[in-house]
Protein backbone atom coordinates (compact mmCIF):
# COMPACT_ATOMS: atom_id res chain seq x y z
CA MET A 1 -6.82 -44.13 7.71
CA SER A 2 -9.73 -43.54 10.07
CA ASP A 3 -12.00 -46.28 11.38
CA LEU A 4 -14.82 -44.85 9.28
CA GLY A 5 -12.61 -45.08 6.18
CA GLN A 6 -11.96 -48.76 6.91
CA ILE A 7 -15.70 -49.36 7.30
CA LEU A 8 -16.36 -47.74 3.92
CA LEU A 9 -13.61 -49.76 2.21
CA TYR A 10 -14.88 -52.99 3.69
CA SER A 11 -18.46 -52.19 2.61
CA TYR A 12 -17.27 -51.53 -0.95
CA HIS A 13 -15.62 -54.95 -1.19
CA ASN A 14 -18.66 -56.78 0.19
CA GLY A 15 -21.15 -54.92 -2.05
CA THR A 16 -22.86 -52.68 0.53
CA PHE A 17 -20.96 -49.44 -0.18
CA PHE A 18 -23.88 -47.11 -0.90
CA GLU A 19 -26.09 -48.55 1.84
CA THR A 20 -23.26 -47.98 4.32
CA LEU A 21 -22.73 -44.43 3.09
CA VAL A 22 -26.38 -43.58 3.66
CA ARG A 23 -26.50 -45.26 7.07
CA GLU A 24 -23.36 -43.53 8.34
CA ALA A 25 -24.27 -40.13 6.86
CA THR A 26 -27.69 -40.12 8.53
CA SER A 27 -26.59 -41.52 11.89
CA HIS A 28 -26.42 -38.08 13.55
CA ILE A 29 -26.61 -34.39 12.67
CA HIS A 30 -22.88 -33.87 11.93
CA ALA A 31 -22.27 -37.27 10.33
CA THR A 32 -22.42 -36.10 6.70
CA GLN A 33 -19.22 -34.09 6.96
CA SER A 34 -17.40 -36.95 8.70
CA VAL A 35 -18.38 -39.39 5.96
CA ALA A 36 -17.36 -36.88 3.28
CA ASP A 37 -13.94 -36.44 4.93
CA ALA A 38 -13.46 -40.21 5.05
CA LEU A 39 -14.50 -40.56 1.38
CA LEU A 40 -12.05 -37.86 0.29
CA ASP A 41 -9.25 -39.46 2.30
CA ILE A 42 -9.65 -42.95 0.82
CA HIS A 43 -10.00 -41.51 -2.69
CA ASN A 44 -7.00 -39.16 -2.65
CA SER A 45 -4.84 -41.80 -0.95
CA GLY A 46 -5.54 -44.12 -3.89
CA GLN A 47 -7.29 -46.84 -1.90
CA LEU A 48 -10.61 -46.47 -3.73
CA ASP A 49 -11.71 -44.50 -6.81
CA VAL A 50 -14.89 -43.05 -5.33
CA LEU A 51 -15.87 -41.38 -8.61
CA ALA A 52 -15.62 -44.69 -10.48
CA ALA A 53 -17.72 -46.31 -7.75
CA TYR A 54 -20.39 -43.61 -8.15
CA THR A 55 -20.42 -44.28 -11.89
CA GLU A 56 -21.85 -47.69 -11.03
CA LEU A 57 -24.62 -46.25 -8.85
CA GLN A 58 -27.99 -47.67 -9.92
CA ILE A 59 -30.72 -46.19 -7.75
CA SER A 60 -34.01 -44.50 -8.56
CA GLN A 61 -34.19 -40.76 -7.95
CA GLU A 62 -37.43 -41.41 -6.06
CA ASP A 63 -35.39 -43.32 -3.46
CA ARG A 64 -34.85 -41.00 -0.49
CA SER A 65 -31.21 -42.10 -0.22
CA ALA A 66 -30.43 -40.71 -3.72
CA PHE A 67 -30.28 -37.13 -2.43
CA THR A 68 -27.96 -38.11 0.43
CA LEU A 69 -25.56 -39.89 -1.91
CA VAL A 70 -25.33 -37.04 -4.42
CA HIS A 71 -24.99 -34.55 -1.57
CA LEU A 72 -22.00 -36.51 -0.22
CA LEU A 73 -20.38 -36.46 -3.65
CA SER A 74 -20.91 -32.70 -3.93
CA LYS A 75 -18.94 -32.19 -0.72
CA ILE A 76 -15.81 -33.90 -2.08
CA MET A 77 -15.84 -33.29 -5.85
CA GLY A 78 -14.12 -29.93 -5.70
CA LYS A 79 -11.18 -31.43 -3.77
CA VAL A 80 -10.68 -34.82 -5.41
CA GLU A 81 -7.44 -35.71 -7.18
CA SER A 82 -8.67 -37.15 -10.45
CA SER A 83 -8.70 -36.61 -14.19
CA PRO A 84 -11.37 -34.37 -15.76
CA LYS A 85 -12.53 -37.35 -17.82
CA ILE A 86 -13.39 -39.44 -14.76
CA VAL A 87 -15.19 -36.52 -13.15
CA MET A 88 -17.19 -35.80 -16.30
CA ASP A 89 -18.08 -39.47 -16.82
CA CYS A 90 -19.23 -39.74 -13.21
CA ILE A 91 -21.52 -36.72 -13.52
CA ARG A 92 -22.90 -37.91 -16.87
CA SER A 93 -23.64 -41.36 -15.43
CA LEU A 94 -25.59 -39.82 -12.55
CA GLU A 95 -27.38 -37.51 -14.97
CA GLN A 96 -28.48 -40.44 -17.13
CA ASN A 97 -30.02 -42.02 -14.04
CA GLN A 98 -31.90 -38.74 -13.50
CA HIS A 99 -30.21 -37.83 -10.25
CA GLN A 100 -30.12 -34.29 -8.87
CA VAL A 101 -26.82 -33.27 -10.47
CA PHE A 102 -27.60 -29.57 -10.03
CA MET A 103 -25.87 -29.97 -6.66
CA LEU A 104 -22.63 -30.71 -8.52
CA VAL A 105 -22.44 -27.46 -10.52
CA SER A 106 -20.47 -25.47 -7.94
CA PRO A 107 -18.22 -28.43 -6.96
CA PHE A 108 -17.39 -29.04 -10.63
CA LEU A 109 -16.49 -25.38 -11.06
CA GLU A 110 -14.22 -25.67 -8.00
CA PHE A 111 -12.60 -28.80 -9.47
CA CYS A 112 -11.88 -27.09 -12.81
CA GLY A 113 -10.56 -24.01 -11.04
CA LYS A 114 -7.49 -25.92 -9.80
CA SER A 115 -5.70 -25.66 -13.19
CA GLU A 116 -6.06 -24.36 -16.72
CA ALA A 117 -5.27 -27.87 -17.99
CA ARG A 118 -8.50 -29.17 -16.50
CA CYS A 119 -10.51 -26.33 -18.05
CA ASP A 120 -8.87 -26.86 -21.44
CA TYR A 121 -9.58 -30.60 -21.37
CA VAL A 122 -13.28 -29.99 -20.65
CA LEU A 123 -13.57 -27.40 -23.41
CA GLU A 124 -11.82 -29.61 -25.97
CA ASN A 125 -14.14 -32.53 -25.20
CA MET A 126 -17.27 -30.40 -25.34
CA LEU A 127 -16.26 -28.97 -28.73
CA ALA A 128 -15.46 -32.49 -29.92
CA GLY A 129 -19.06 -33.54 -29.24
CA TYR A 130 -19.12 -34.84 -25.64
CA GLU A 131 -22.85 -35.40 -25.03
CA SER A 132 -24.42 -34.25 -21.78
CA ASN A 133 -27.09 -31.84 -20.57
CA PHE A 134 -24.90 -30.89 -17.62
CA ASP A 135 -23.32 -27.44 -18.12
CA PHE A 136 -19.68 -28.54 -18.34
CA LEU A 137 -18.95 -25.66 -20.72
CA MET A 138 -20.02 -23.00 -18.23
CA GLY A 139 -18.02 -24.64 -15.45
CA ALA A 140 -14.83 -24.66 -17.52
CA LEU A 141 -15.22 -21.09 -18.82
CA VAL A 142 -16.09 -19.52 -15.47
CA ALA A 143 -13.45 -21.49 -13.57
CA GLY A 144 -10.87 -20.71 -16.26
CA SER A 145 -11.68 -16.97 -16.15
CA LYS A 146 -10.57 -16.91 -12.53
CA LEU A 147 -7.17 -18.21 -13.64
CA ASN A 148 -6.78 -16.28 -16.92
CA LEU A 149 -9.62 -13.87 -17.63
CA LYS A 150 -8.60 -12.70 -21.12
CA LYS A 151 -7.83 -16.20 -22.41
CA TYR A 152 -11.19 -17.69 -21.45
CA LEU A 153 -13.16 -14.60 -22.46
CA ASP A 154 -11.58 -14.98 -25.91
CA VAL A 155 -12.66 -18.62 -25.92
CA ALA A 156 -16.23 -17.67 -24.92
CA THR A 157 -16.45 -15.08 -27.70
CA GLY A 158 -14.52 -17.11 -30.27
CA SER A 159 -15.71 -18.47 -33.57
CA GLU A 160 -15.69 -22.13 -32.43
CA LEU A 161 -18.49 -21.55 -29.93
CA MET A 162 -20.25 -19.09 -32.24
CA SER A 163 -20.67 -21.83 -34.84
CA LYS A 164 -22.89 -23.84 -32.46
CA PRO A 165 -26.09 -22.02 -31.30
CA LEU A 166 -26.43 -24.06 -28.10
CA PHE A 167 -22.85 -23.28 -27.13
CA THR A 168 -23.36 -19.60 -27.93
CA GLU A 169 -26.12 -19.40 -25.32
CA LYS A 170 -23.99 -21.20 -22.73
CA ALA A 171 -21.02 -18.95 -23.54
CA ILE A 172 -23.09 -15.80 -23.00
CA SER A 173 -24.38 -17.17 -19.70
CA SER A 174 -20.78 -17.91 -18.68
CA ILE A 175 -19.65 -14.37 -19.52
CA GLY A 176 -22.35 -13.07 -17.21
CA ARG A 177 -20.83 -15.11 -14.38
CA MET A 178 -17.26 -13.91 -14.92
CA ASN A 179 -15.62 -11.43 -12.56
CA PHE A 180 -13.94 -8.75 -14.72
CA GLN A 181 -12.24 -7.11 -11.73
CA GLY A 182 -12.82 -3.61 -13.08
CA ASP A 183 -11.11 -4.20 -16.44
CA ASP A 184 -13.04 -1.70 -18.59
CA ASP A 185 -11.59 -2.91 -21.88
CA LEU A 186 -12.65 -6.52 -21.32
CA ILE A 187 -16.10 -5.46 -20.08
CA ASP A 188 -16.45 -3.35 -23.22
CA ALA A 189 -15.48 -6.29 -25.43
CA ALA A 190 -17.89 -8.65 -23.63
CA PHE A 191 -20.76 -6.14 -23.73
CA ASN A 192 -20.35 -5.47 -27.42
CA TYR A 193 -20.10 -9.17 -28.22
CA ILE A 194 -23.34 -10.04 -26.42
CA GLU A 195 -25.22 -7.11 -27.97
CA THR A 196 -24.06 -8.01 -31.46
CA VAL A 197 -24.82 -11.72 -31.16
CA SER A 198 -28.26 -11.08 -29.60
CA GLN A 199 -29.41 -8.73 -32.34
CA ASP A 200 -28.59 -11.29 -35.01
CA SER A 201 -30.12 -14.28 -33.19
CA SER A 202 -33.53 -15.64 -32.28
CA LYS A 203 -35.66 -14.61 -29.32
CA ALA A 204 -34.46 -17.62 -27.34
CA LEU A 205 -31.08 -15.96 -26.80
CA LEU A 206 -32.45 -12.65 -25.50
CA ASN A 207 -33.33 -13.84 -21.99
CA THR A 208 -29.81 -15.23 -21.47
CA SER A 209 -28.28 -12.04 -22.88
CA LEU A 210 -30.47 -9.86 -20.64
CA ALA A 211 -29.20 -11.62 -17.50
CA ALA A 212 -25.57 -11.55 -18.69
CA LEU A 213 -25.63 -7.85 -19.63
CA HIS A 214 -27.20 -6.97 -16.30
CA SER A 215 -24.32 -8.74 -14.57
CA LEU A 216 -21.84 -6.70 -16.65
CA TYR A 217 -23.77 -3.51 -15.86
CA LEU A 218 -23.46 -4.24 -12.13
CA GLN A 219 -19.69 -4.46 -12.57
CA ASP A 220 -19.60 -1.19 -14.52
CA LYS A 221 -22.47 1.19 -13.69
CA THR A 222 -21.37 3.58 -16.47
CA ARG A 223 -23.04 1.08 -18.81
CA GLU A 224 -26.52 2.17 -17.71
CA GLU A 225 -27.51 3.79 -21.01
CA ASP A 226 -26.24 0.80 -23.00
CA PHE A 227 -28.21 -1.62 -20.85
CA LEU A 228 -31.36 0.51 -21.06
CA ARG A 229 -31.02 0.49 -24.83
CA PHE A 230 -30.83 -3.30 -24.79
CA ILE A 231 -33.92 -3.55 -22.57
CA GLY A 232 -35.74 -1.39 -25.10
CA PHE A 233 -34.62 -3.77 -27.85
CA CYS A 234 -35.98 -6.71 -25.82
CA SER A 235 -39.34 -4.97 -25.39
CA ALA A 236 -39.90 -5.16 -29.12
CA SER A 237 -39.48 -8.96 -29.04
CA LEU A 238 -41.33 -9.66 -25.82
CA ASP A 239 -42.15 -13.25 -24.83
CA ALA A 240 -42.61 -15.31 -21.66
CA SER A 241 -38.92 -16.20 -21.35
CA LEU A 242 -37.92 -12.52 -21.38
CA VAL A 243 -40.53 -11.68 -18.77
CA LEU A 244 -39.19 -14.50 -16.60
CA ALA A 245 -35.60 -13.29 -17.07
CA ALA A 246 -36.56 -9.73 -16.08
CA SER A 247 -38.44 -11.00 -13.00
CA GLU A 248 -35.45 -13.13 -11.95
CA ILE A 249 -33.16 -10.11 -12.11
CA LEU A 250 -35.60 -8.11 -9.98
CA PHE A 251 -35.81 -11.02 -7.54
CA PHE A 252 -32.13 -11.93 -7.17
CA GLU A 253 -30.55 -8.50 -7.67
CA ASN A 254 -33.22 -6.44 -5.90
CA GLY A 255 -31.92 -3.01 -4.91
CA LYS A 256 -28.58 -3.33 -6.73
CA SER A 257 -29.75 -1.74 -9.98
CA GLY A 258 -30.32 1.97 -10.49
CA LEU A 259 -33.91 3.22 -10.41
CA ARG A 260 -34.07 3.67 -14.21
CA ILE A 261 -32.92 0.09 -14.75
CA GLU A 262 -35.40 -1.18 -12.16
CA ASP A 263 -38.25 0.73 -13.82
CA ALA A 264 -37.34 -0.64 -17.24
CA LEU A 265 -37.20 -4.22 -15.91
CA LEU A 266 -40.56 -3.72 -14.19
CA GLU A 267 -41.93 -2.55 -17.53
CA LEU A 268 -40.96 -5.95 -18.94
CA GLY A 269 -42.06 -7.89 -15.87
CA CYS A 270 -45.55 -6.38 -15.78
CA ASN A 271 -46.32 -8.29 -18.99
CA VAL A 272 -46.37 -11.52 -16.96
CA SER A 273 -49.21 -13.95 -17.64
CA MET A 274 -51.17 -16.41 -15.51
CA ASP A 275 -49.13 -19.32 -16.87
CA SER A 276 -45.83 -18.04 -15.49
CA LEU A 277 -46.18 -18.67 -11.75
CA GLY A 278 -42.41 -18.50 -11.29
CA ALA A 279 -42.30 -14.96 -12.70
CA ILE A 280 -45.29 -13.96 -10.55
CA ASN A 281 -43.50 -15.19 -7.42
CA HIS A 282 -40.36 -13.25 -8.35
CA LEU A 283 -42.37 -10.08 -8.95
CA ASP A 284 -44.21 -10.58 -5.66
CA TYR A 285 -40.90 -10.53 -3.79
CA ALA A 286 -39.60 -7.56 -5.80
CA LEU A 287 -42.73 -5.46 -5.19
CA GLU A 288 -42.61 -6.31 -1.49
CA LYS A 289 -39.02 -5.03 -1.27
CA ILE A 290 -39.93 -1.86 -3.17
CA MET A 291 -42.77 -1.17 -0.73
CA THR A 292 -40.54 -1.98 2.25
CA ARG A 293 -38.09 0.74 1.25
CA GLY A 294 -40.95 3.25 1.34
CA GLU A 295 -42.06 3.42 -2.31
CA PHE A 296 -45.73 2.54 -1.81
CA ASP A 297 -47.03 4.23 -4.97
CA LYS A 298 -44.42 2.57 -7.20
CA SER A 299 -45.13 -0.87 -5.80
CA VAL A 300 -48.92 -0.55 -6.05
CA THR A 301 -48.83 1.05 -9.51
CA ASN A 302 -46.87 -1.89 -10.89
CA LEU A 303 -49.15 -4.35 -9.11
CA GLU A 304 -52.15 -2.66 -10.73
CA ARG A 305 -50.50 -2.89 -14.16
CA ILE A 306 -50.01 -6.64 -13.70
CA LEU A 307 -53.63 -7.12 -12.64
CA GLU A 308 -55.00 -4.97 -15.48
CA ASN A 309 -52.80 -6.59 -18.13
CA ASN A 310 -54.36 -9.93 -17.19
CA ASN A 311 -57.96 -8.64 -16.89
CA TYR A 312 -57.74 -9.39 -13.14
CA GLN A 313 -57.40 -13.14 -13.72
CA ILE A 314 -54.26 -12.74 -11.64
CA GLY A 315 -55.47 -11.70 -8.19
CA ILE A 316 -54.06 -10.30 -4.98
CA GLY A 317 -53.87 -13.88 -3.68
CA HIS A 318 -50.97 -14.56 -6.07
CA PHE A 319 -48.84 -12.00 -4.21
CA ASN A 320 -48.50 -13.56 -0.77
CA SER A 321 -45.35 -11.71 0.34
CA LEU A 322 -46.74 -8.33 -0.68
CA THR A 323 -50.14 -9.11 0.84
CA ASN A 324 -48.63 -10.11 4.18
CA LEU A 325 -46.57 -6.91 4.28
CA ILE A 326 -49.65 -4.77 3.56
CA ILE A 327 -51.73 -6.48 6.25
CA GLU A 328 -48.93 -6.34 8.84
CA ASN A 329 -48.73 -2.57 8.29
CA LYS A 330 -52.41 -1.79 8.65
CA ASP A 331 -52.08 1.92 9.35
CA THR A 332 -49.30 2.52 6.81
CA TYR A 333 -50.27 0.41 3.79
CA LEU A 334 -53.61 -1.40 4.19
CA GLU A 335 -55.83 1.62 4.80
CA LYS A 336 -54.02 3.57 2.08
CA LEU A 337 -54.51 0.79 -0.49
CA ILE A 338 -58.18 0.18 0.36
CA THR A 339 -58.93 3.90 0.04
CA ARG A 340 -57.12 4.08 -3.29
CA TRP A 341 -58.85 1.06 -4.79
CA LEU A 342 -62.36 1.89 -3.57
CA LEU A 343 -62.04 5.48 -4.79
CA SER A 344 -61.19 4.15 -8.26
CA GLY A 345 -64.77 2.93 -8.68
CA ASN A 346 -63.38 -0.23 -10.30
CA ALA A 347 -65.42 -3.28 -9.29
CA ALA A 348 -62.48 -5.64 -9.80
CA LYS A 349 -60.34 -3.56 -7.43
CA GLY A 350 -63.19 -3.52 -4.93
CA ARG A 351 -63.18 -7.32 -5.02
CA MET A 352 -59.40 -7.22 -4.51
CA CYS A 353 -59.97 -5.19 -1.34
CA PHE A 354 -62.29 -7.89 -0.03
CA ASP A 355 -59.84 -10.65 -1.01
CA LEU A 356 -57.06 -8.74 0.72
CA LEU A 357 -58.91 -8.75 4.04
CA GLN A 358 -59.55 -12.49 3.71
CA HIS A 359 -55.79 -12.94 4.24
CA ALA A 360 -55.91 -11.03 7.55
CA PRO A 361 -55.19 -13.17 10.64
CA THR A 362 -58.25 -11.77 12.42
CA SER A 363 -61.66 -11.46 10.81
CA GLY A 364 -63.29 -8.05 10.98
CA MET A 365 -60.52 -5.65 12.05
CA GLU A 366 -61.23 -1.98 12.65
CA LEU A 367 -60.01 0.23 9.81
CA SER A 368 -60.07 3.91 8.85
CA PHE A 369 -59.96 5.47 5.42
CA ASP A 370 -56.84 7.37 4.39
CA LEU A 371 -58.49 10.80 4.52
CA PRO A 372 -55.67 12.77 2.77
CA GLN A 373 -56.73 11.01 -0.44
CA LEU A 374 -60.14 12.71 -0.16
CA SER A 375 -58.95 15.90 -1.80
CA GLY A 376 -59.17 17.54 -5.19
CA ASP A 377 -61.59 15.63 -7.42
CA TYR A 378 -62.36 13.25 -4.53
CA SER A 379 -63.20 15.92 -1.92
CA PHE A 380 -66.89 14.98 -1.76
CA HIS A 381 -66.70 11.21 -2.17
CA HIS A 382 -67.43 10.38 1.47
CA LEU A 383 -70.84 8.94 0.64
CA PHE A 384 -69.35 7.01 -2.28
CA LEU A 385 -66.80 5.37 0.05
CA ALA A 386 -69.49 4.62 2.62
CA GLU A 387 -71.50 2.81 -0.06
CA LYS A 388 -68.45 0.81 -1.18
CA SER A 389 -67.58 -0.08 2.43
CA CYS A 390 -71.00 -1.53 3.04
CA GLY A 391 -71.18 -3.26 -0.34
CA TRP A 392 -67.76 -4.95 -0.29
CA PHE A 393 -67.26 -5.55 3.44
CA PHE A 394 -70.81 -6.44 4.40
CA THR A 395 -69.73 -9.85 5.72
CA LEU A 396 -67.12 -8.03 7.88
CA PRO A 397 -69.51 -5.71 9.72
CA LEU A 398 -66.96 -4.27 12.17
CA THR A 399 -64.65 -3.35 9.29
CA ALA A 400 -67.48 -1.84 7.24
CA MET A 401 -68.85 0.25 10.11
CA SER A 402 -65.45 1.45 11.32
CA LEU A 403 -64.63 2.65 7.79
CA ILE A 404 -67.92 4.55 7.60
CA VAL A 405 -67.35 6.05 11.05
CA SER A 406 -63.90 7.30 9.97
CA LEU A 407 -65.59 9.46 7.31
CA VAL A 408 -68.07 11.24 9.59
CA ASP A 409 -65.88 14.11 10.85
CA THR A 410 -64.90 15.33 7.38
CA ALA A 411 -68.14 14.54 5.55
CA ALA A 412 -70.43 17.35 4.43
CA ASP A 413 -73.69 17.65 6.38
CA ALA A 414 -75.63 17.03 3.16
CA GLN A 415 -74.09 13.55 2.89
CA LEU A 416 -74.36 12.53 6.55
CA GLU A 417 -78.03 11.56 6.38
CA SER A 418 -77.43 9.23 3.40
CA MET A 419 -74.38 7.76 5.12
CA LYS A 420 -76.47 7.14 8.23
CA GLN A 421 -79.16 5.35 6.21
CA ILE A 422 -76.53 2.98 4.74
CA ALA A 423 -75.13 2.34 8.21
CA ILE A 424 -78.65 1.49 9.43
CA ASN A 425 -79.96 -0.48 6.46
CA PRO A 426 -78.59 -2.94 5.60
CA LEU A 427 -75.60 -2.92 7.99
CA SER A 428 -76.91 -2.34 11.53
CA ILE A 429 -80.25 -4.13 11.22
CA THR A 430 -78.44 -7.18 9.83
CA TYR A 431 -75.77 -7.29 12.55
CA PRO A 432 -77.43 -5.58 15.53
CA GLY A 433 -75.25 -7.32 18.13
CA SER A 434 -71.72 -6.53 16.92
CA ILE A 435 -72.60 -3.15 15.39
CA GLY A 436 -74.51 -2.12 18.52
CA ARG A 437 -71.60 -3.03 20.80
CA TYR A 438 -69.14 -1.19 18.57
CA LEU A 439 -71.17 2.03 18.39
CA ASN A 440 -71.80 2.02 22.15
CA SER A 441 -68.07 1.59 22.77
CA ILE A 442 -67.03 4.62 20.69
CA LYS A 443 -69.86 7.11 21.13
CA ASN A 444 -68.69 8.42 24.52
CA GLN A 445 -65.11 8.80 23.29
CA SER A 446 -66.06 10.79 20.18
CA ASN A 447 -66.67 14.45 19.36
CA ASP A 448 -70.19 15.82 19.22
CA LYS A 449 -70.65 15.18 15.49
CA LEU A 450 -69.66 11.53 15.65
CA LYS A 451 -71.50 10.98 18.94
CA LEU A 452 -74.71 12.29 17.39
CA PHE A 453 -74.15 10.03 14.37
CA CYS A 454 -73.75 6.93 16.59
CA GLU A 455 -76.74 7.78 18.80
CA SER A 456 -78.93 8.32 15.75
CA ILE A 457 -78.06 4.86 14.39
CA LEU A 458 -78.60 3.20 17.77
CA GLY A 459 -81.94 4.96 18.15
CA SER A 460 -83.08 3.86 14.69
CA LEU A 461 -81.95 0.31 15.46
CA GLU A 462 -83.95 0.28 18.69
CA LYS A 463 -87.04 1.56 16.86
CA TYR A 464 -86.59 -1.07 14.13
CA HIS A 465 -86.64 -3.91 16.65
CA ALA A 466 -89.59 -2.38 18.49
CA ASP A 467 -91.53 -2.32 15.22
CA LEU A 468 -90.66 -5.97 14.60
CA LYS A 469 -92.09 -7.21 17.90
CA PRO A 470 -95.77 -7.10 16.85
CA ALA A 471 -94.93 -9.46 14.00
CA LEU A 472 -93.97 -12.12 16.54
CA GLY A 473 -97.64 -12.55 17.39
CA ILE A 474 -98.71 -13.28 13.82
CA LYS A 475 -99.40 -17.01 13.77
CA GLU A 476 -98.97 -17.34 10.00
CA LEU A 477 -95.33 -16.25 10.29
CA LYS A 478 -94.47 -19.00 12.76
CA PRO A 479 -93.54 -22.39 11.32
CA SER A 480 -95.14 -25.35 13.05
CA GLU A 481 -93.15 -27.87 15.10
CA GLU A 482 -93.38 -30.39 12.24
CA GLU A 483 -92.11 -27.82 9.74
CA ARG A 484 -89.20 -26.91 12.00
CA TYR A 485 -88.35 -30.60 12.40
CA ARG A 486 -88.44 -31.20 8.62
CA SER A 487 -86.28 -28.14 8.01
CA ALA A 488 -83.73 -29.24 10.62
CA LYS A 489 -83.70 -32.78 9.22
CA HIS A 490 -83.17 -31.46 5.69
CA ILE A 491 -80.21 -29.34 6.79
CA GLN A 492 -78.78 -32.31 8.72
CA ASN A 493 -78.97 -34.53 5.62
CA ILE A 494 -77.22 -31.89 3.52
CA ASN A 495 -74.43 -31.58 6.11
CA GLU A 496 -74.00 -35.35 6.36
CA LYS A 497 -73.64 -35.68 2.58
CA ALA A 498 -71.17 -32.81 2.49
CA MET A 499 -69.16 -34.40 5.32
CA LYS A 500 -69.00 -37.79 3.58
CA LYS A 501 -67.93 -36.16 0.32
CA ALA A 502 -65.21 -34.16 2.07
CA GLU A 503 -63.95 -37.21 3.98
CA ALA A 504 -63.76 -39.33 0.82
CA GLY A 505 -60.91 -37.33 -0.70
CA SER A 506 -59.39 -35.88 2.45
CA LEU A 507 -55.87 -36.38 3.72
CA ILE A 508 -57.28 -37.81 6.96
CA SER A 509 -59.00 -40.68 5.13
CA LEU A 510 -55.88 -41.36 3.03
CA LEU A 511 -53.79 -41.62 6.20
CA GLY A 512 -56.24 -44.11 7.64
CA VAL A 513 -56.96 -42.10 10.81
CA HIS A 514 -59.40 -43.92 13.09
CA LYS A 515 -62.67 -42.28 14.09
CA SER A 516 -63.88 -41.83 17.65
CA ILE A 517 -67.43 -42.87 18.49
CA LEU A 518 -69.69 -40.92 20.83
CA LEU A 519 -70.90 -43.08 23.68
CA TYR A 520 -74.29 -42.15 25.17
CA GLY A 521 -73.59 -38.50 24.30
CA ARG A 522 -71.22 -38.15 27.28
CA LYS A 523 -67.99 -39.90 26.22
CA SER A 524 -66.05 -40.78 23.12
CA ILE A 525 -64.48 -44.20 22.65
CA SER A 526 -61.59 -45.25 20.44
CA TYR A 527 -59.43 -48.36 20.13
CA MET A 528 -55.62 -48.53 20.14
CA ASP A 529 -54.14 -51.52 18.33
CA THR A 530 -50.87 -52.58 20.03
CA GLY A 531 -50.33 -55.57 17.74
CA SER A 532 -51.24 -58.17 20.31
CA GLU A 533 -54.50 -56.66 21.53
CA LYS A 534 -56.91 -53.76 21.09
CA ILE A 535 -57.16 -51.40 24.04
CA ARG A 536 -60.42 -49.53 24.52
CA GLN A 537 -60.03 -45.88 25.54
CA GLU A 538 -62.80 -43.64 26.84
CA MET A 539 -62.59 -39.85 26.90
CA PRO A 540 -65.18 -37.67 28.69
CA LEU A 541 -66.64 -34.89 26.55
CA HIS A 542 -65.94 -31.28 27.51
CA LEU A 543 -67.94 -28.19 26.70
CA TYR A 544 -66.61 -25.93 23.97
CA SER A 545 -68.67 -23.11 22.54
CA THR A 546 -68.46 -20.30 20.03
CA SER A 547 -70.92 -17.85 18.59
CA VAL A 548 -71.53 -16.59 15.09
CA GLU A 549 -73.74 -13.63 14.28
CA TYR A 550 -75.82 -14.70 11.31
CA PRO A 551 -77.01 -11.78 9.12
CA SER A 552 -80.67 -11.44 10.04
CA LEU A 553 -81.73 -10.01 6.66
CA GLN A 554 -80.66 -13.27 5.05
CA TYR A 555 -83.67 -14.77 6.86
CA ILE A 556 -86.09 -11.90 6.34
CA ASP A 557 -85.37 -10.58 2.84
CA PRO A 558 -82.41 -12.36 1.20
CA HIS A 559 -83.12 -11.42 -2.42
CA ASN A 560 -83.50 -7.69 -1.82
CA LEU A 561 -80.40 -7.78 0.40
CA ASP A 562 -78.30 -9.32 -2.36
CA TYR A 563 -79.60 -6.79 -4.88
CA HIS A 564 -78.92 -3.88 -2.50
CA LEU A 565 -75.33 -4.99 -1.85
CA LEU A 566 -74.68 -5.55 -5.56
CA SER A 567 -75.95 -2.08 -6.40
CA LEU A 568 -73.68 -0.54 -3.74
CA ARG A 569 -70.65 -2.36 -5.14
CA LEU A 570 -71.28 -1.40 -8.75
CA LYS A 571 -72.58 2.13 -8.23
CA GLY A 572 -70.42 4.66 -10.07
CA PHE A 573 -69.36 8.17 -9.26
CA GLU A 574 -71.99 10.83 -8.81
CA ASN A 575 -71.09 14.40 -9.74
């Protein structure tokens, strides 16, 4: 016996067994396996019944050591020499103390898989009324099927389990986990059994049956029509559990199903509601994978169906994986999606475009419209897109202007003047600095048509500011020093109240982080408490600066600006 084994035995006899397990298992990065090996050795050598010892474990699941202890048990359970009764009693005892026994599912299956006698014992006790929420039945059936497939499939589909609804559901789930090794006759029997039972049962059984039949379909792809028929049957009894089951299949088995199966499952999944965040997350991953393999239209079409089915209460922000993929592929996906959604004339989709850009790592990226979409019925919607760009991306002036600029070359001359007016007012006169720099940077690298467009905007902007200068001399438009002071003081008071309110419930205040105090406006001071004394620390202030271009029209004419932007966002198609 190893030295570690002797330490564990000694700790058991002096009442510090579990404390010692935790200490030794967390002593270094590879310690868990060493402790598990020592536990298995002293158990199988008969020196200590580790499972019986765990049955006596009394520790709250909130205790951080609870996870470590159950994790150690999971590493040895599949290899222990013990009776099924002791193993089952140990798991049930941990379960009653609300420990994380989900970690023991695979080890228990491994334990049962050592002999049919173990599987039979578990099944007999479960049928006799052994009470536990742990899925002992599934473990015995799946493990037994690896030893004798036909025998345990017959048990799973037999009348004894059929007579108990809860066991029927567990039996169907177990069949879905069995490996039929290409035996068409047994797959046929299992498929027919699940279909028959599901059609005569309540909705609660359909989600389990859907997952099980999909597993059988993956083992025999000739079952595609049968599985599609079952999906159609499920559609008539749609509920949240079925939507979740469909989304889980799309998430875990993504790419393994045929396209017709995937489309049918997406049909179910698109009925997801706001309440089912788990299903939304699964669909997010599935749609991301569909887009990654090059099926942009399919991914976006299903996303739109989800949004529309929920009246846009589910937003683009719920699809983080898909959103990140779209933003990372600006030229491939982002510009294509923005063009598609703005062309739709749907205000909710326009808002989604804005929300999408809020997830971008950099604010105000340059974008171009996907011009191939401006064909057919949309051939003359350049002005329409220019209006939507300004309306939705007004707070991202570089994005809004770059989108408008991308339309100039293909726009009809009759629309250019109106597009130029939008680019001037409200966009350029509100953000003269950034817009001016952008137009100056591209005008000399552009063709004659675009160069003329840029120069016209810059000329109008220069004239606008020249016309504003006389107003600077109007005394009535200048606030007095006292008025400026009162305004600044009012804003300061608002900011101080907002800061105090934010600090009150912030993580920083909960952690008890100490504040630094500005000293004479040149240094900050803070105090470090060493236990025996407080040490005063002084830190010189350094200069840090940033600049923000505030929209000038918010000062000059805020109400008309808001109305103008709202009208651009909501304006419909013009024939």
